[in-house]
Amino acid sequence: MKRFFGQKRKAGTKSVQHKRRIVVVISLFVLFTVVLNLVEGKESFASFTFHLYFVSVMLATYFAGRKAGLLTVSVAIIQGMAVSGIVLPNILFLCFSAGLFIVGMEVILAFNKRLRRISACCDEECEKAEAEYNSLLAEDRQLAERNNGLEAEAVQLAEMYEVSKTMGACLDFKTVLEVMHGAICRFFKFGKGMLLLKQNEGCKEFDFSYSFDSGEAKHGDIKGMENDIIRTVMQDGNPLLVSGEEDRMKFNLPSQVKSFLAVPVILSGKVIGVATLEDFALRIGDVPGEIGAGEISPEKIMGISSILMTQFALQMQKARLYEKVEKLSIVDGLTQVVLRRYFMQRFEEELKRSRHYILPVSFLMIDIDHFKNYNDKYGHLVGDAVLKEMAATLCEGVRDVDLVGRYGGEEFCVMLPETDADGAYQVAERVRWLVENSHFKAYDEETLLTVSIGVSSFPADGDTEMGLIDKADEALLRAKKSGRNQVCKA
């Protein structure tokens, strides 16, 4: 039965129900018109029967389908011929009309089916296209985010390179520290930051601190700066970031401190210090906004800070080595006072300043009395120790602005800025008295020494460094000839 009557239409949709209502209304309207004509005598009973069967054919064809429609048409034609005695033209017209109606309905149904198939295909293609479009949009967003991240990392690497380049050009610790301070402020926003260092080898406590927020440096014994986080970093040598509530309670952080970063400063495999930041945020590229510690991976934050501290440690070591080399080039290794070459450079510069501002400057030439005999008696090792103590005594007898140098052998020289001849004579007498009343100890030997001093001053005794040195040397010879342990002015 199913094969004969064909597939049953779905009658549950609103469109099908709407179409059926229209067909029923049209059929009832035609039937009503025919009945009205029949009552009024305008149409015969045979014509009424013909129209009645014609309407039934239309309804049966639409509702029953193709095969049932043909069967209904055939039954209607036979019944019409038997009941009303329709003549042949009417039968032909009835067949032609029914066939034409059926063909039209077939065309309409086939066209409608084709349209539904095309619509379904279009809907499917549209869904696929929309899915592909959404997928492309998601990939585009991912690529844009990745590109932004790569651009930010490229900017950070470029900035780190500039920091390293600038820091590499620094030859003193103070300048390196200033560059490091600028780099920390460039990469991070923070509430409070500190740098703690053990500058002296073998030091158990921090002896240097630097504040990143105020730029204040402090030397000496630094107490009260340690906490559990700093001690942990100093022991482990690994950076540590504390931001979660559990970690904050573990390390006893104050309630007002929301995040804490500690990075070790490692030099030659040893942890010599630690840098700390409180309530910090990482700045990304040139964007004025900041990204908080909770919104970025701790590995990236600790990676950037570790790179900065590693670069700082390397440049600090280079600056220290340079300072040592520079000190060796200007400081006498035995007596720890400046060498003659450096002394002459400073003396020349001071004379230029004195000429420009019309200020006095004095020069002392100091010689240890009978030092050759002392060397012959006690040996050169004891003599070297005595020279070292002599230099310390001379530095004790002058001001911090004065410059003490080793002129050669047992001779020392002193430059006294802004000091006239009378003032220089008083300084020389104080130095002579200190030496005379000091006990010089060297190994197991203890002895007394005296010095002879010659004094010259600018502008009274000359206007060049060599002229002043010659005048002071002449005064020194007079002091020796007069019995030594004396001070003579030029």
Protein backbone atom coordinates (compact mmCIF):
# COMPACT_ATOMS: atom_id res chain seq x y z
CA MET A 1 0.00 0.00 0.00
CA LYS A 2 2.81 2.36 0.79
CA ARG A 3 4.47 1.74 -2.58
CA PHE A 4 1.18 2.32 -4.36
CA PHE A 5 0.09 5.47 -2.62
CA GLY A 6 3.62 6.87 -2.43
CA GLN A 7 5.32 8.51 0.51
CA LYS A 8 2.93 10.24 2.85
CA ARG A 9 3.34 13.95 3.13
CA LYS A 10 4.12 15.57 6.41
CA ALA A 11 1.02 17.43 7.47
CA GLY A 12 2.39 18.90 10.67
CA THR A 13 4.01 21.98 9.24
CA LYS A 14 2.21 25.29 9.11
CA SER A 15 2.88 25.87 5.38
CA VAL A 16 1.20 22.60 4.32
CA GLN A 17 -1.81 23.27 6.54
CA HIS A 18 -2.09 26.78 5.13
CA LYS A 19 -2.06 25.50 1.53
CA ARG A 20 -4.70 22.90 2.32
CA ARG A 21 -6.97 25.53 3.83
CA ILE A 22 -6.65 27.61 0.65
CA VAL A 23 -7.57 24.61 -1.60
CA VAL A 24 -10.55 23.73 0.61
CA VAL A 25 -11.78 27.33 0.55
CA ILE A 26 -11.46 27.54 -3.25
CA SER A 27 -13.27 24.19 -3.69
CA LEU A 28 -16.08 25.20 -1.35
CA PHE A 29 -16.39 28.50 -3.21
CA VAL A 30 -16.68 26.67 -6.58
CA LEU A 31 -19.16 24.19 -5.11
CA PHE A 32 -21.21 27.01 -3.58
CA THR A 33 -21.30 28.82 -6.96
CA VAL A 34 -22.45 25.66 -8.80
CA VAL A 35 -25.17 24.92 -6.20
CA LEU A 36 -26.37 28.53 -6.38
CA ASN A 37 -26.54 28.34 -10.20
CA LEU A 38 -28.40 25.03 -9.94
CA VAL A 39 -31.01 26.45 -7.54
CA GLU A 40 -31.56 29.49 -9.69
CA GLY A 41 -32.01 27.29 -12.79
CA LYS A 42 -28.94 28.57 -14.55
CA GLU A 43 -27.27 25.14 -14.62
CA SER A 44 -28.52 21.62 -15.26
CA PHE A 45 -28.19 18.70 -12.90
CA ALA A 46 -25.77 17.04 -15.30
CA SER A 47 -23.56 20.08 -15.33
CA PHE A 48 -23.75 20.16 -11.51
CA THR A 49 -22.68 16.52 -11.34
CA PHE A 50 -19.80 17.23 -13.69
CA HIS A 51 -18.55 20.12 -11.59
CA LEU A 52 -19.07 18.14 -8.40
CA TYR A 53 -16.89 15.34 -9.67
CA PHE A 54 -14.35 17.82 -11.05
CA VAL A 55 -13.95 19.42 -7.60
CA SER A 56 -13.65 15.99 -5.98
CA VAL A 57 -10.92 15.10 -8.50
CA MET A 58 -8.99 18.26 -7.60
CA LEU A 59 -9.26 17.61 -3.87
CA ALA A 60 -8.37 13.92 -4.19
CA THR A 61 -5.40 14.68 -6.45
CA TYR A 62 -3.97 17.26 -4.06
CA PHE A 63 -4.51 15.32 -0.84
CA ALA A 64 -3.89 11.75 -1.94
CA GLY A 65 -0.91 12.14 -4.23
CA ARG A 66 0.02 11.05 -7.72
CA LYS A 67 -1.21 7.42 -7.88
CA ALA A 68 -4.28 7.88 -5.69
CA GLY A 69 -5.19 10.94 -7.75
CA LEU A 70 -5.22 8.90 -11.00
CA LEU A 71 -7.38 6.26 -9.36
CA THR A 72 -9.79 8.90 -8.07
CA VAL A 73 -9.99 10.56 -11.50
CA SER A 74 -10.83 7.23 -13.14
CA VAL A 75 -13.54 6.45 -10.59
CA ALA A 76 -14.95 9.95 -10.90
CA ILE A 77 -15.14 9.72 -14.72
CA ILE A 78 -16.92 6.31 -14.67
CA GLN A 79 -19.34 7.51 -11.98
CA GLY A 80 -20.00 10.73 -13.89
CA MET A 81 -20.69 8.85 -17.11
CA ALA A 82 -23.00 6.34 -15.36
CA VAL A 83 -25.00 8.89 -13.37
CA SER A 84 -25.34 11.92 -15.62
CA GLY A 85 -24.94 10.44 -19.06
CA ILE A 86 -22.24 12.92 -20.04
CA VAL A 87 -21.64 13.06 -23.75
CA LEU A 88 -18.26 12.42 -25.29
CA PRO A 89 -17.06 16.07 -25.47
CA ASN A 90 -17.71 16.48 -21.79
CA ILE A 91 -15.81 13.28 -21.04
CA LEU A 92 -12.87 14.45 -23.16
CA PHE A 93 -12.94 17.85 -21.51
CA LEU A 94 -13.05 16.19 -18.10
CA CYS A 95 -10.05 13.98 -18.92
CA PHE A 96 -8.13 16.85 -20.44
CA SER A 97 -8.81 19.11 -17.46
CA ALA A 98 -7.91 16.39 -14.96
CA GLY A 99 -4.74 15.52 -16.87
CA LEU A 100 -3.77 19.16 -17.18
CA PHE A 101 -4.37 19.68 -13.48
CA ILE A 102 -2.31 16.61 -12.57
CA VAL A 103 0.58 17.65 -14.86
CA GLY A 104 0.50 21.17 -13.40
CA MET A 105 0.53 19.80 -9.86
CA GLU A 106 3.42 17.47 -10.77
CA VAL A 107 5.41 20.36 -12.18
CA ILE A 108 4.68 22.51 -9.16
CA LEU A 109 5.54 19.72 -6.71
CA ALA A 110 8.73 18.83 -8.59
CA PHE A 111 9.74 22.48 -8.73
CA ASN A 112 8.97 22.87 -5.04
CA LYS A 113 10.96 19.74 -4.24
CA ARG A 114 13.85 21.04 -6.29
CA LEU A 115 13.68 24.37 -4.53
CA ARG A 116 13.69 22.66 -1.12
CA ARG A 117 16.68 20.56 -2.16
CA ILE A 118 18.54 23.63 -3.42
CA SER A 119 17.58 25.51 -0.25
CA ALA A 120 18.82 22.63 1.93
CA CYS A 121 22.11 22.54 -0.01
CA CYS A 122 22.44 26.30 0.28
CA ASP A 123 21.74 26.14 4.00
CA GLU A 124 24.34 23.41 4.40
CA GLU A 125 26.90 25.36 2.37
CA CYS A 126 26.12 28.51 4.34
CA GLU A 127 26.61 26.65 7.60
CA LYS A 128 29.94 25.27 6.37
CA ALA A 129 31.02 28.71 5.15
CA GLU A 130 29.99 30.28 8.46
CA ALA A 131 31.87 27.61 10.41
CA GLU A 132 34.97 28.13 8.25
CA TYR A 133 34.63 31.90 8.65
CA ASN A 134 34.38 31.60 12.44
CA SER A 135 37.37 29.26 12.42
CA LEU A 136 39.38 31.76 10.37
CA LEU A 137 38.36 34.55 12.74
CA ALA A 138 39.53 32.50 15.73
CA GLU A 139 42.85 31.72 14.03
CA ASP A 140 43.22 35.39 13.12
CA ARG A 141 42.66 36.40 16.73
CA GLN A 142 45.19 33.83 17.91
CA LEU A 143 47.72 35.02 15.36
CA ALA A 144 47.09 38.65 16.35
CA GLU A 145 47.58 37.82 20.03
CA ARG A 146 50.73 35.85 19.26
CA ASN A 147 51.98 38.68 17.06
CA ASN A 148 51.34 41.21 19.83
CA GLY A 149 53.18 38.98 22.29
CA LEU A 150 56.12 38.60 19.91
CA GLU A 151 56.21 42.36 19.32
CA ALA A 152 56.21 43.00 23.07
CA GLU A 153 59.02 40.46 23.56
CA ALA A 154 60.96 42.03 20.68
CA VAL A 155 60.59 45.46 22.27
CA GLN A 156 61.74 44.08 25.62
CA LEU A 157 64.75 42.36 24.03
CA ALA A 158 65.67 45.58 22.22
CA GLU A 159 65.39 47.52 25.46
CA MET A 160 67.48 44.92 27.31
CA TYR A 161 70.09 45.16 24.58
CA GLU A 162 70.18 48.95 24.97
CA VAL A 163 70.48 48.57 28.74
CA SER A 164 73.34 46.09 28.33
CA LYS A 165 75.01 48.34 25.78
CA THR A 166 74.71 51.41 28.00
CA MET A 167 75.81 49.50 31.09
CA GLY A 168 78.75 47.99 29.22
CA ALA A 169 80.10 51.48 28.49
CA CYS A 170 80.20 52.31 32.23
CA LEU A 171 83.56 52.00 33.97
CA ASP A 172 82.62 52.85 37.54
CA PHE A 173 80.20 51.24 39.97
CA LYS A 174 78.17 54.40 40.57
CA THR A 175 77.31 54.81 36.88
CA VAL A 176 76.47 51.10 36.54
CA LEU A 177 74.12 51.45 39.51
CA GLU A 178 72.40 54.47 37.94
CA VAL A 179 71.86 52.59 34.67
CA MET A 180 70.51 49.62 36.62
CA HIS A 181 68.13 51.92 38.48
CA GLY A 182 66.83 53.33 35.18
CA ALA A 183 66.34 49.83 33.75
CA ILE A 184 64.35 48.67 36.79
CA CYS A 185 62.08 51.72 36.56
CA ARG A 186 61.70 51.16 32.78
CA PHE A 187 60.62 47.52 33.04
CA PHE A 188 58.70 47.59 36.33
CA LYS A 189 56.29 49.75 38.24
CA PHE A 190 56.68 49.16 41.97
CA GLY A 191 55.89 50.57 45.37
CA LYS A 192 59.27 49.96 47.00
CA GLY A 193 62.53 48.49 45.73
CA MET A 194 65.89 47.72 47.32
CA LEU A 195 69.29 46.38 46.26
CA LEU A 196 71.31 44.71 49.03
CA LEU A 197 74.95 43.73 48.44
CA LYS A 198 77.89 42.18 50.23
CA GLN A 199 80.65 44.25 48.65
CA ASN A 200 83.57 43.02 50.76
CA GLU A 201 84.68 39.45 50.22
CA GLY A 202 83.93 37.16 53.14
CA CYS A 203 81.37 39.58 54.60
CA LYS A 204 78.52 37.73 56.32
CA GLU A 205 76.15 40.70 56.45
CA PHE A 206 75.01 43.19 53.85
CA ASP A 207 77.27 46.26 53.79
CA PHE A 208 75.61 48.21 50.96
CA SER A 209 72.01 49.09 50.16
CA TYR A 210 70.42 51.12 47.38
CA SER A 211 66.81 52.26 47.20
CA PHE A 212 65.25 52.05 43.73
CA ASP A 213 62.39 54.37 44.70
CA SER A 214 64.48 57.16 46.32
CA GLY A 215 67.94 56.58 44.75
CA GLU A 216 69.56 56.66 48.19
CA ALA A 217 72.70 54.57 48.82
CA LYS A 218 73.95 53.46 52.21
CA HIS A 219 77.33 51.95 53.10
CA GLY A 220 78.35 50.07 56.20
CA ASP A 221 76.60 47.44 58.27
CA ILE A 222 73.03 47.13 56.96
CA LYS A 223 70.78 45.71 59.65
CA GLY A 224 67.06 45.09 59.79
CA MET A 225 66.73 44.68 56.01
CA GLU A 226 66.39 40.89 55.84
CA ASN A 227 63.20 38.82 55.87
CA ASP A 228 62.33 35.18 55.23
CA ILE A 229 62.16 35.67 51.47
CA ILE A 230 65.58 37.35 51.25
CA ARG A 231 67.17 34.67 53.41
CA THR A 232 65.64 31.94 51.23
CA VAL A 233 66.91 33.56 48.03
CA MET A 234 70.39 34.05 49.51
CA GLN A 235 70.54 30.37 50.47
CA ASP A 236 69.02 28.85 47.30
CA GLY A 237 70.32 31.33 44.73
CA ASN A 238 67.00 31.25 42.82
CA PRO A 239 64.53 34.11 42.21
CA LEU A 240 61.32 34.00 44.21
CA LEU A 241 57.94 35.62 43.51
CA VAL A 242 55.32 35.76 46.25
CA SER A 243 51.81 36.92 45.32
CA GLY A 244 49.28 34.30 46.48
CA GLU A 245 47.66 34.39 49.89
CA GLU A 246 49.15 31.03 50.88
CA ASP A 247 52.71 32.12 49.99
CA ARG A 248 52.21 35.47 51.71
CA MET A 249 51.25 33.71 54.92
CA LYS A 250 54.15 31.26 54.53
CA PHE A 251 56.74 34.07 54.39
CA ASN A 252 54.95 36.35 56.89
CA LEU A 253 54.48 39.24 54.47
CA PRO A 254 52.72 42.31 55.91
CA SER A 255 49.09 42.68 54.94
CA GLN A 256 49.76 45.90 52.99
CA VAL A 257 52.27 44.14 50.70
CA LYS A 258 50.33 42.39 47.92
CA SER A 259 53.27 40.98 45.93
CA PHE A 260 57.01 40.59 46.54
CA LEU A 261 59.81 39.75 44.11
CA ALA A 262 63.35 38.82 45.17
CA VAL A 263 66.14 38.14 42.64
CA PRO A 264 69.67 37.06 43.60
CA VAL A 265 72.79 38.89 42.42
CA ILE A 266 75.31 36.16 41.55
CA LEU A 267 78.98 36.86 40.90
CA SER A 268 81.49 34.09 40.12
CA GLY A 269 78.99 31.47 41.28
CA LYS A 270 78.41 33.15 44.66
CA VAL A 271 75.31 35.00 45.79
CA ILE A 272 76.57 38.44 46.83
CA GLY A 273 73.25 40.25 47.06
CA VAL A 274 69.56 40.38 46.29
CA ALA A 275 67.23 42.86 44.58
CA THR A 276 63.65 43.19 45.87
CA LEU A 277 60.46 44.82 44.56
CA GLU A 278 57.20 45.26 46.46
CA ASP A 279 53.73 45.67 44.87
CA PHE A 280 55.20 45.55 41.39
CA ALA A 281 53.76 45.38 37.88
CA LEU A 282 55.54 44.58 34.61
CA ARG A 283 55.51 47.28 31.95
CA ILE A 284 54.97 45.91 28.40
CA GLY A 285 56.81 47.70 25.56
CA ASP A 286 55.93 51.36 25.14
CA VAL A 287 52.34 50.89 26.30
CA PRO A 288 51.69 53.26 29.23
CA GLY A 289 49.52 50.70 31.03
CA GLU A 290 50.87 47.98 33.24
CA ILE A 291 50.11 44.30 33.60
CA GLY A 292 49.88 43.03 37.15
CA ALA A 293 51.89 40.15 38.54
CA GLY A 294 48.81 37.94 38.61
CA GLU A 295 48.06 38.46 34.90
CA ILE A 296 51.41 37.33 33.51
CA SER A 297 53.42 34.18 34.04
CA PRO A 298 55.82 34.23 37.02
CA GLU A 299 58.46 32.62 34.79
CA LYS A 300 58.48 35.64 32.46
CA ILE A 301 58.67 38.13 35.34
CA MET A 302 61.51 36.27 37.04
CA GLY A 303 63.23 35.74 33.67
CA ILE A 304 63.34 39.46 32.88
CA SER A 305 64.48 40.42 36.38
CA SER A 306 67.13 37.66 36.41
CA ILE A 307 68.56 38.85 33.09
CA LEU A 308 68.81 42.40 34.44
CA MET A 309 70.50 41.26 37.65
CA THR A 310 72.91 38.98 35.77
CA GLN A 311 73.92 41.85 33.51
CA PHE A 312 74.30 44.12 36.53
CA ALA A 313 76.53 41.60 38.30
CA LEU A 314 78.80 41.25 35.24
CA GLN A 315 79.13 45.00 34.77
CA MET A 316 79.68 45.51 38.49
CA GLN A 317 82.55 43.01 38.37
CA LYS A 318 84.00 44.80 35.35
CA ALA A 319 83.72 48.16 37.11
CA ARG A 320 85.47 46.76 40.19
CA LEU A 321 88.30 45.35 38.09
CA TYR A 322 88.66 48.65 36.27
CA GLU A 323 88.78 50.52 39.57
CA LYS A 324 91.47 48.15 40.82
CA VAL A 325 93.52 48.61 37.65
CA GLU A 326 93.04 52.35 37.80
CA LYS A 327 94.04 52.38 41.44
CA LEU A 328 97.17 50.35 40.70
CA SER A 329 98.11 52.87 38.03
CA ILE A 330 97.88 55.88 40.36
CA VAL A 331 98.47 54.44 43.84
CA ASP A 332 101.75 53.14 45.19
CA GLY A 333 101.32 49.51 46.12
CA LEU A 334 103.51 49.77 49.22
CA THR A 335 102.52 53.04 50.85
CA GLN A 336 98.97 53.35 49.38
CA VAL A 337 99.53 57.02 48.48
CA VAL A 338 99.42 58.31 44.90
CA LEU A 339 102.36 57.85 42.57
CA ARG A 340 104.49 60.73 41.32
CA ARG A 341 102.98 60.77 37.83
CA TYR A 342 99.41 61.11 39.06
CA PHE A 343 100.50 63.62 41.71
CA MET A 344 102.07 65.86 39.05
CA GLN A 345 98.87 65.74 36.95
CA ARG A 346 96.74 66.81 39.91
CA PHE A 347 99.28 69.45 40.91
CA GLU A 348 99.19 70.96 37.42
CA GLU A 349 95.36 71.01 37.43
CA GLU A 350 95.30 72.68 40.85
CA LEU A 351 97.76 75.35 39.70
CA LYS A 352 95.53 76.16 36.71
CA ARG A 353 92.54 76.52 39.02
CA SER A 354 94.54 78.70 41.44
CA ARG A 355 95.69 80.99 38.60
CA HIS A 356 92.12 81.34 37.31
CA TYR A 357 90.56 82.14 40.69
CA ILE A 358 93.70 83.83 42.16
CA LEU A 359 93.98 81.33 45.01
CA PRO A 360 97.13 80.22 46.87
CA VAL A 361 98.48 76.68 46.77
CA SER A 362 101.48 75.21 48.59
CA PHE A 363 103.82 72.29 48.13
CA LEU A 364 105.72 70.22 50.73
CA MET A 365 108.77 68.08 50.00
CA ILE A 366 109.38 65.59 52.84
CA ASP A 367 112.42 63.36 53.33
CA ILE A 368 113.02 60.77 56.09
CA ASP A 369 116.23 61.55 57.96
CA HIS A 370 119.02 58.93 57.76
CA PHE A 371 116.68 56.37 56.17
CA LYS A 372 119.58 54.68 54.31
CA ASN A 373 121.30 53.88 57.58
CA TYR A 374 117.96 52.58 58.91
CA ASN A 375 117.68 50.23 55.94
CA ASP A 376 121.22 49.02 56.40
CA LYS A 377 120.63 48.36 60.09
CA TYR A 378 117.21 46.65 60.03
CA GLY A 379 116.92 45.43 56.46
CA HIS A 380 114.75 46.40 53.56
CA LEU A 381 111.68 44.46 54.74
CA VAL A 382 111.57 46.49 57.92
CA GLY A 383 112.30 49.62 55.88
CA ASP A 384 109.31 48.95 53.63
CA ALA A 385 107.04 48.49 56.66
CA VAL A 386 108.30 51.80 58.08
CA LEU A 387 107.59 53.58 54.78
CA LYS A 388 104.04 52.28 54.91
CA GLU A 389 103.50 53.58 58.45
CA MET A 390 105.17 56.88 57.53
CA ALA A 391 102.68 57.40 54.68
CA ALA A 392 99.77 56.70 57.07
CA THR A 393 101.16 59.27 59.54
CA LEU A 394 101.49 61.90 56.79
CA CYS A 395 97.87 61.32 55.70
CA GLU A 396 96.80 61.70 59.31
CA GLY A 397 98.53 65.10 59.60
CA VAL A 398 96.82 66.75 56.55
CA ARG A 399 93.25 67.49 55.42
CA ASP A 400 91.12 65.27 53.22
CA VAL A 401 91.39 67.79 50.37
CA ASP A 402 95.18 67.67 50.52
CA LEU A 403 97.01 65.19 48.33
CA VAL A 404 99.88 63.02 49.61
CA GLY A 405 102.17 61.30 47.10
CA ARG A 406 105.36 59.28 47.00
CA TYR A 407 107.96 61.29 45.12
CA GLY A 408 110.60 58.56 45.10
CA GLY A 409 112.54 56.36 47.54
CA GLU A 410 112.02 57.76 51.04
CA GLU A 411 110.78 61.14 49.76
CA PHE A 412 107.13 62.16 49.99
CA CYS A 413 105.29 65.23 48.66
CA VAL A 414 102.11 67.00 49.74
CA MET A 415 99.89 69.45 47.82
CA LEU A 416 97.91 71.93 49.95
CA PRO A 417 95.13 73.66 47.92
CA GLU A 418 94.10 77.17 48.96
CA THR A 419 96.90 77.37 51.52
CA ASP A 420 99.43 80.19 51.67
CA ALA A 421 103.05 80.03 52.88
CA ASP A 422 102.25 80.59 56.57
CA GLY A 423 99.47 78.01 56.56
CA ALA A 424 101.71 75.51 54.76
CA TYR A 425 104.46 76.07 57.33
CA GLN A 426 102.04 75.27 60.18
CA VAL A 427 100.91 72.09 58.42
CA ALA A 428 104.54 71.06 57.89
CA GLU A 429 105.35 71.65 61.57
CA ARG A 430 102.33 69.52 62.60
CA VAL A 431 103.47 66.70 60.31
CA ARG A 432 107.07 66.94 61.62
CA TRP A 433 105.82 66.80 65.22
CA LEU A 434 103.58 63.78 64.54
CA VAL A 435 106.48 61.84 62.98
CA GLU A 436 108.87 62.76 65.76
CA ASN A 437 106.44 61.60 68.47
CA SER A 438 105.34 58.39 66.75
CA HIS A 439 106.74 54.90 67.42
CA PHE A 440 107.16 53.01 64.17
CA LYS A 441 106.76 49.25 64.56
CA ALA A 442 107.94 46.80 61.92
CA TYR A 443 107.87 43.09 62.68
CA ASP A 444 109.87 42.80 65.92
CA GLU A 445 111.55 46.19 65.58
CA GLU A 446 110.37 49.51 67.02
CA THR A 447 112.12 52.77 66.30
CA LEU A 448 111.81 56.54 66.17
CA LEU A 449 112.11 58.62 63.01
CA THR A 450 112.32 62.28 62.04
CA VAL A 451 111.70 64.13 58.79
CA SER A 452 113.00 67.27 57.10
CA ILE A 453 110.48 69.37 55.16
CA GLY A 454 110.81 72.08 52.49
CA VAL A 455 107.89 74.43 51.80
CA SER A 456 107.06 76.50 48.69
CA SER A 457 103.90 78.44 47.81
CA PHE A 458 102.12 79.91 44.80
CA PRO A 459 102.34 82.69 43.76
CA ALA A 460 105.07 83.88 46.12
CA ASP A 461 107.69 81.25 45.16
CA GLY A 462 106.74 80.49 41.53
CA ASP A 463 103.88 80.04 39.09
CA THR A 464 104.67 76.58 37.66
CA GLU A 465 104.72 73.15 39.25
CA MET A 466 108.41 72.57 38.41
CA GLY A 467 109.33 76.00 39.82
CA LEU A 468 107.54 75.27 43.09
CA ILE A 469 109.13 71.82 43.33
CA ASP A 470 112.59 73.29 42.82
CA LYS A 471 111.99 75.91 45.52
CA ALA A 472 110.73 73.27 47.97
CA ASP A 473 113.69 71.04 47.18
CA GLU A 474 116.11 73.89 47.90
CA ALA A 475 114.35 74.53 51.23
CA LEU A 476 114.60 70.81 52.04
CA LEU A 477 118.38 70.87 51.48
CA ARG A 478 118.68 73.82 53.83
CA ALA A 479 116.71 71.95 56.47
CA LYS A 480 119.04 68.96 56.19
CA LYS A 481 122.16 71.11 56.33
CA SER A 482 120.75 72.88 59.39
CA GLY A 483 120.61 69.63 61.36
CA ARG A 484 117.53 67.81 60.00
CA ASN A 485 114.17 67.39 61.76
CA GLN A 486 113.30 70.89 60.63
CA VAL A 487 110.93 72.84 58.36
CA CYS A 488 112.31 75.49 56.01
CA LYS A 489 110.38 77.83 53.70
CA ALA A 490 111.61 78.77 50.23
